[in-house]
Amino acid sequence: MEKKLVTGEDMKALADMLKRIGTYYVAGSHSVSVPSLNTKYLNADVVKLWPNLEDEPEWMAPGEAARVELNRAFPDIRKVGWRGPMVRLFDKRPPMHYSGPAMGEFTYIDLKSAWWQFYRPLWLDQPWPRGYRGRYPLLEVADQLANWKAARNAVVGIARSRYVFGQKGSRQIKMAYTNKFLSPGLWATIMDLAHWVASKALEYGAVYVNVDGYMFPGVQSRQEGYFKDFLEAHSLAYDVRAWGEGEIRSWNSYKISHYQTKPYRLGLIHKTEAFTNVQRSEWSDYRRNVIHLVRSERG
């Protein structure tokens, strides 16, 4: 299939036109494939020249590059291998917690490259729960993709991808496909690690958690310091995204110092009642052990 680069705006306009005239297409995160034209349109704002399996540079979307690196690392893989009932593990969702509206001083801590940090010492065929020694270590893939955020995150998306979505006119067509990299154990382990970190943030006083971001009341508070100590003890890199006077209006609508979310800037309120889905769990020993395994195997 021929590849053509277009801007993100032009790709959206193309998809709108194809939908309007009833031409079948398949939309990806950063691409639109039109089988009748034998053409795949890529968003020029996100693609990169990446070496294919023949080591020739080729324009690729992040997901394409991630699949290339998985194929390069595991050329003989046919299926990761998992039992049918494990499909329920794909129902696990990232942690979120909201304590309600608040004003005062806040500090927002962001876990850097969270999914990448979690899966780097793991295995594609990750034994779940808390299993060790899969057949397909992800360290090489993770390191190859380390400098391309969208591609390194795409590994997690690929591990749980079971469907593609076609569009013909106003009708969306959901199609299952065979994904040899499908891994419910990897997805579940990453989600459990994310909930472990979130539960620690809440234990140390966080009032807001959104996947890999944690908001604490105060600036340079003792509780915030304990959480940073916890992250450093488990080799988890982080950034302090913002600190200072702020306001939490509702879910995803907040401001801290000069940093503010788009909903806050637009005056939008999405959710006013407190909620949480954070599951309390303990993965400290497991994290230490897999990090030790990686370091010992690398010498």
Protein backbone atom coordinates (compact mmCIF):
# COMPACT_ATOMS: atom_id res chain seq x y z
CA MET A 1 0.00 0.00 0.00
CA GLU A 2 1.41 3.38 -1.00
CA LYS A 3 2.05 5.87 1.79
CA LYS A 4 1.37 9.58 1.55
CA LEU A 5 2.14 12.24 4.13
CA VAL A 6 -0.50 14.84 4.91
CA THR A 7 -1.01 17.30 7.75
CA GLY A 8 -3.20 16.32 10.65
CA GLU A 9 -5.76 18.89 9.54
CA ASP A 10 -5.78 17.55 5.98
CA MET A 11 -6.12 13.97 7.25
CA LYS A 12 -9.19 14.94 9.27
CA ALA A 13 -10.65 16.68 6.23
CA LEU A 14 -9.93 13.57 4.13
CA ALA A 15 -11.71 11.31 6.61
CA ASP A 16 -14.71 13.68 6.66
CA MET A 17 -14.86 13.67 2.85
CA LEU A 18 -14.58 9.87 2.62
CA LYS A 19 -17.35 9.51 5.18
CA ARG A 20 -19.53 11.96 3.28
CA ILE A 21 -19.14 10.24 -0.12
CA GLY A 22 -19.38 6.74 1.33
CA THR A 23 -15.89 5.49 0.50
CA TYR A 24 -14.72 2.77 2.85
CA TYR A 25 -11.64 3.55 4.97
CA VAL A 26 -9.89 2.39 8.11
CA ALA A 27 -8.83 5.04 10.60
CA GLY A 28 -5.86 4.53 12.90
CA SER A 29 -4.53 6.81 15.59
CA HIS A 30 -2.36 8.67 13.08
CA SER A 31 -3.41 7.28 9.72
CA VAL A 32 -6.24 6.75 7.27
CA SER A 33 -6.10 3.70 4.97
CA VAL A 34 -8.21 3.64 1.80
CA PRO A 35 -8.16 0.11 0.29
CA SER A 36 -9.86 1.18 -2.95
CA LEU A 37 -7.01 3.63 -3.60
CA ASN A 38 -4.33 1.26 -2.24
CA THR A 39 -3.14 4.26 -0.21
CA LYS A 40 -2.38 4.90 3.42
CA TYR A 41 -2.33 8.54 4.51
CA LEU A 42 -0.04 9.32 7.44
CA ASN A 43 -0.10 12.33 9.73
CA ALA A 44 3.10 14.19 8.81
CA ASP A 45 3.11 15.87 12.23
CA VAL A 46 3.80 12.60 14.06
CA VAL A 47 5.52 10.20 11.63
CA LYS A 48 9.25 9.54 11.53
CA LEU A 49 11.67 7.86 9.19
CA TRP A 50 12.27 4.52 10.87
CA PRO A 51 14.31 1.47 9.77
CA ASN A 52 12.05 -1.35 8.57
CA LEU A 53 12.91 -5.02 8.97
CA GLU A 54 15.30 -4.71 6.02
CA ASP A 55 16.95 -1.74 7.79
CA GLU A 56 15.74 0.65 5.11
CA PRO A 57 14.30 3.99 6.33
CA GLU A 58 10.56 4.26 5.87
CA TRP A 59 7.95 6.77 7.01
CA MET A 60 6.09 5.22 9.92
CA ALA A 61 3.41 6.16 12.38
CA PRO A 62 4.26 5.38 16.03
CA GLY A 63 2.30 2.14 16.08
CA GLU A 64 4.02 0.91 12.92
CA ALA A 65 7.47 1.54 14.41
CA ALA A 66 6.47 -0.26 17.62
CA ARG A 67 5.31 -3.30 15.63
CA VAL A 68 8.53 -3.29 13.62
CA GLU A 69 10.59 -3.36 16.81
CA LEU A 70 8.45 -6.15 18.28
CA ASN A 71 8.92 -8.16 15.08
CA ARG A 72 12.64 -7.40 15.07
CA ALA A 73 13.04 -8.58 18.67
CA PHE A 74 10.77 -11.63 18.32
CA PRO A 75 10.97 -12.74 14.66
CA ASP A 76 9.63 -16.25 15.28
CA ILE A 77 6.67 -15.38 17.46
CA ARG A 78 3.30 -16.69 16.29
CA LYS A 79 1.26 -16.05 19.42
CA VAL A 80 2.16 -14.84 22.89
CA GLY A 81 0.14 -17.66 24.43
CA TRP A 82 -2.59 -17.17 27.03
CA ARG A 83 -5.72 -18.91 28.22
CA GLY A 84 -9.10 -17.77 26.92
CA PRO A 85 -10.50 -16.68 30.31
CA MET A 86 -7.63 -14.20 30.65
CA VAL A 87 -9.42 -11.92 28.16
CA ARG A 88 -11.21 -10.45 31.20
CA LEU A 89 -7.91 -8.82 32.19
CA PHE A 90 -8.40 -6.31 29.38
CA ASP A 91 -11.23 -4.83 31.47
CA LYS A 92 -8.69 -3.33 33.88
CA ARG A 93 -8.52 0.47 33.62
CA PRO A 94 -5.96 3.10 34.70
CA PRO A 95 -6.30 4.67 38.17
CA MET A 96 -8.32 7.85 38.73
CA HIS A 97 -9.24 9.64 41.95
CA TYR A 98 -10.97 12.95 42.60
CA SER A 99 -11.63 14.30 46.10
CA GLY A 100 -13.84 17.23 45.09
CA PRO A 101 -13.38 20.98 44.52
CA ALA A 102 -10.60 22.67 46.48
CA MET A 103 -8.52 25.84 46.65
CA GLY A 104 -5.09 26.56 48.12
CA GLU A 105 -1.55 25.50 47.39
CA PHE A 106 -0.92 22.34 45.39
CA THR A 107 1.93 20.33 43.89
CA TYR A 108 1.40 18.18 40.80
CA ILE A 109 3.83 15.27 40.32
CA ASP A 110 3.97 13.50 36.98
CA LEU A 111 5.43 10.03 36.47
CA LYS A 112 7.73 10.31 33.44
CA SER A 113 7.08 7.85 30.59
CA ALA A 114 4.90 5.84 32.96
CA TRP A 115 3.90 2.93 30.70
CA TRP A 116 7.46 2.65 29.39
CA GLN A 117 8.91 2.60 32.92
CA PHE A 118 6.47 -0.12 33.91
CA TYR A 119 6.90 -2.46 30.94
CA ARG A 120 10.64 -2.00 30.31
CA PRO A 121 11.72 -4.74 32.80
CA LEU A 122 8.77 -7.02 31.95
CA TRP A 123 8.00 -9.62 29.26
CA LEU A 124 5.61 -9.57 26.33
CA ASP A 125 4.22 -12.89 27.54
CA GLN A 126 4.00 -11.48 31.06
CA PRO A 127 2.93 -14.10 33.63
CA TRP A 128 0.10 -12.68 35.75
CA PRO A 129 -0.07 -11.91 38.59
CA ARG A 130 3.48 -11.09 39.71
CA GLY A 131 5.06 -13.73 37.52
CA TYR A 132 8.72 -13.84 36.47
CA ARG A 133 10.70 -15.11 33.50
CA GLY A 134 8.59 -14.85 30.38
CA ARG A 135 10.07 -15.94 27.04
CA TYR A 136 10.02 -12.50 25.40
CA PRO A 137 11.77 -9.76 27.44
CA LEU A 138 10.73 -6.25 26.42
CA LEU A 139 13.95 -4.49 27.43
CA GLU A 140 15.40 -4.34 23.92
CA VAL A 141 12.15 -3.08 22.39
CA ALA A 142 11.76 -0.48 25.14
CA ASP A 143 15.28 0.82 24.67
CA GLN A 144 14.94 1.02 20.87
CA LEU A 145 11.81 3.18 21.28
CA ALA A 146 13.06 5.18 24.28
CA ASN A 147 13.30 8.51 22.44
CA TRP A 148 9.92 8.38 20.67
CA LYS A 149 7.14 8.84 23.21
CA ALA A 150 4.20 7.91 20.99
CA ALA A 151 5.92 4.76 19.72
CA ARG A 152 7.01 3.53 23.15
CA ASN A 153 3.44 4.03 24.41
CA ALA A 154 2.11 2.22 21.34
CA VAL A 155 3.63 -1.04 22.65
CA VAL A 156 1.01 -1.04 25.42
CA GLY A 157 -1.76 -0.29 22.92
CA ILE A 158 -0.62 -3.14 20.70
CA ALA A 159 -0.60 -5.55 23.66
CA ARG A 160 -4.36 -5.01 24.09
CA SER A 161 -5.45 -4.33 20.49
CA ARG A 162 -8.14 -6.76 19.30
CA TYR A 163 -10.16 -4.70 16.85
CA VAL A 164 -9.82 -2.29 13.95
CA PHE A 165 -12.55 0.14 12.96
CA GLY A 166 -13.64 0.69 9.40
CA GLN A 167 -15.97 3.46 8.26
CA LYS A 168 -18.38 3.45 5.34
CA GLY A 169 -20.64 6.45 5.23
CA SER A 170 -22.24 6.88 8.63
CA ARG A 171 -21.72 3.22 9.55
CA GLN A 172 -18.78 2.23 11.71
CA ILE A 173 -17.61 -1.36 11.27
CA LYS A 174 -15.86 -3.09 14.17
CA MET A 175 -13.63 -5.91 12.98
CA ALA A 176 -11.72 -8.41 15.09
CA TYR A 177 -8.28 -9.36 13.84
CA THR A 178 -5.49 -11.72 14.82
CA ASN A 179 -2.83 -9.93 16.84
CA LYS A 180 0.16 -12.15 17.59
CA PHE A 181 1.38 -9.64 20.21
CA LEU A 182 -1.87 -9.66 22.20
CA SER A 183 -1.00 -9.96 25.89
CA PRO A 184 -3.62 -9.70 28.65
CA GLY A 185 -0.98 -10.52 31.27
CA LEU A 186 1.18 -7.56 30.23
CA TRP A 187 -1.78 -5.16 30.17
CA ALA A 188 -3.01 -6.34 33.57
CA THR A 189 0.44 -6.09 35.16
CA ILE A 190 0.96 -2.55 33.87
CA MET A 191 -2.48 -1.53 35.17
CA ASP A 192 -1.79 -3.14 38.55
CA LEU A 193 1.54 -1.33 38.83
CA ALA A 194 -0.21 1.95 37.99
CA HIS A 195 -2.79 1.32 40.73
CA TRP A 196 -0.01 0.44 43.17
CA VAL A 197 1.68 3.81 42.62
CA ALA A 198 -1.68 5.63 42.77
CA SER A 199 -2.61 3.90 46.02
CA LYS A 200 0.70 5.01 47.52
CA ALA A 201 0.00 8.59 46.38
CA LEU A 202 -3.36 8.47 48.17
CA GLU A 203 -1.72 6.96 51.24
CA TYR A 204 0.62 9.96 51.32
CA GLY A 205 -2.21 12.47 50.99
CA ALA A 206 -2.89 13.01 47.26
CA VAL A 207 -6.30 14.53 46.51
CA TYR A 208 -6.27 13.98 42.75
CA VAL A 209 -4.93 11.14 40.57
CA ASN A 210 -5.22 10.89 36.81
CA VAL A 211 -3.39 7.79 35.53
CA ASP A 212 0.24 8.92 36.08
CA GLY A 213 -0.34 12.38 37.59
CA TYR A 214 -0.73 13.00 41.33
CA MET A 215 -1.83 16.21 43.02
CA PHE A 216 -0.92 16.95 46.64
CA PRO A 217 -2.11 19.81 48.85
CA GLY A 218 0.67 22.21 49.80
CA VAL A 219 4.12 22.95 48.40
CA GLN A 220 7.15 20.92 49.52
CA SER A 221 4.95 19.18 52.07
CA ARG A 222 6.05 16.22 54.15
CA GLN A 223 3.51 13.95 52.43
CA GLU A 224 4.72 14.95 48.98
CA GLY A 225 8.29 14.27 50.11
CA TYR A 226 7.37 10.78 51.28
CA PHE A 227 5.84 10.05 47.88
CA LYS A 228 8.96 11.25 46.06
CA ASP A 229 11.07 9.03 48.34
CA PHE A 230 8.83 6.09 47.42
CA LEU A 231 9.23 6.74 43.68
CA GLU A 232 13.00 7.07 43.95
CA ALA A 233 13.25 3.90 46.03
CA HIS A 234 11.58 2.00 43.22
CA SER A 235 13.58 3.56 40.36
CA LEU A 236 10.57 5.49 39.04
CA ALA A 237 11.50 8.80 37.41
CA TYR A 238 9.17 11.77 37.88
CA ASP A 239 8.75 15.49 37.22
CA VAL A 240 7.11 18.18 39.31
CA ARG A 241 4.81 19.61 36.66
CA ALA A 242 3.47 22.55 38.66
CA TRP A 243 3.32 23.99 42.18
CA GLY A 244 1.81 27.02 43.92
CA GLU A 245 -1.58 28.59 44.44
CA GLY A 246 -4.33 26.80 42.59
CA GLU A 247 -7.91 25.68 42.29
CA ILE A 248 -9.55 22.35 41.52
CA ARG A 249 -12.97 23.09 40.03
CA SER A 250 -13.87 19.57 38.91
CA TRP A 251 -12.43 16.51 37.26
CA ASN A 252 -9.79 17.60 34.71
CA SER A 253 -10.59 21.27 35.35
CA TYR A 254 -7.88 22.81 37.53
CA LYS A 255 -5.16 25.41 37.73
CA ILE A 256 -1.86 25.43 39.62
CA SER A 257 0.19 28.62 39.41
CA HIS A 258 0.56 29.36 35.66
CA TYR A 259 -0.41 25.81 34.61
CA GLN A 260 -4.05 25.21 33.76
CA THR A 261 -6.02 22.58 31.90
CA LYS A 262 -8.05 23.46 28.82
CA PRO A 263 -11.40 22.73 30.57
CA TYR A 264 -10.39 25.15 33.36
CA ARG A 265 -9.47 27.84 30.85
CA LEU A 266 -12.81 27.37 29.08
CA GLY A 267 -14.78 27.29 32.33
CA LEU A 268 -15.95 23.69 31.80
CA ILE A 269 -17.01 21.41 34.65
CA HIS A 270 -17.10 17.69 33.84
CA LYS A 271 -17.71 16.02 37.18
CA THR A 272 -18.54 17.59 40.52
CA GLU A 273 -18.86 14.57 42.82
CA ALA A 274 -15.87 12.84 44.37
CA PHE A 275 -15.02 9.41 42.95
CA THR A 276 -12.24 6.85 42.84
CA ASN A 277 -11.39 3.59 41.11
CA VAL A 278 -7.95 3.20 42.72
CA GLN A 279 -7.33 -0.34 43.90
CA ARG A 280 -5.12 -0.77 46.93
CA SER A 281 -2.37 -3.23 46.10
CA GLU A 282 1.24 -3.98 47.01
CA TRP A 283 3.82 -4.49 44.27
CA SER A 284 6.95 -3.15 45.99
CA ASP A 285 8.78 -6.47 46.23
CA TYR A 286 7.83 -7.39 42.69
CA ARG A 287 9.11 -4.11 41.26
CA ARG A 288 12.40 -4.45 43.15
CA ASN A 289 12.83 -8.01 41.92
CA VAL A 290 12.22 -7.33 38.23
CA ILE A 291 14.57 -4.33 38.33
CA HIS A 292 17.19 -6.56 39.98
CA LEU A 293 16.69 -9.19 37.27
CA VAL A 294 17.21 -6.66 34.48
CA ARG A 295 20.34 -5.27 36.08
CA SER A 296 21.84 -8.69 36.75
CA GLU A 297 21.13 -9.93 33.22
CA ARG A 298 22.73 -6.82 31.75
CA GLY A 299 25.76 -7.31 33.95
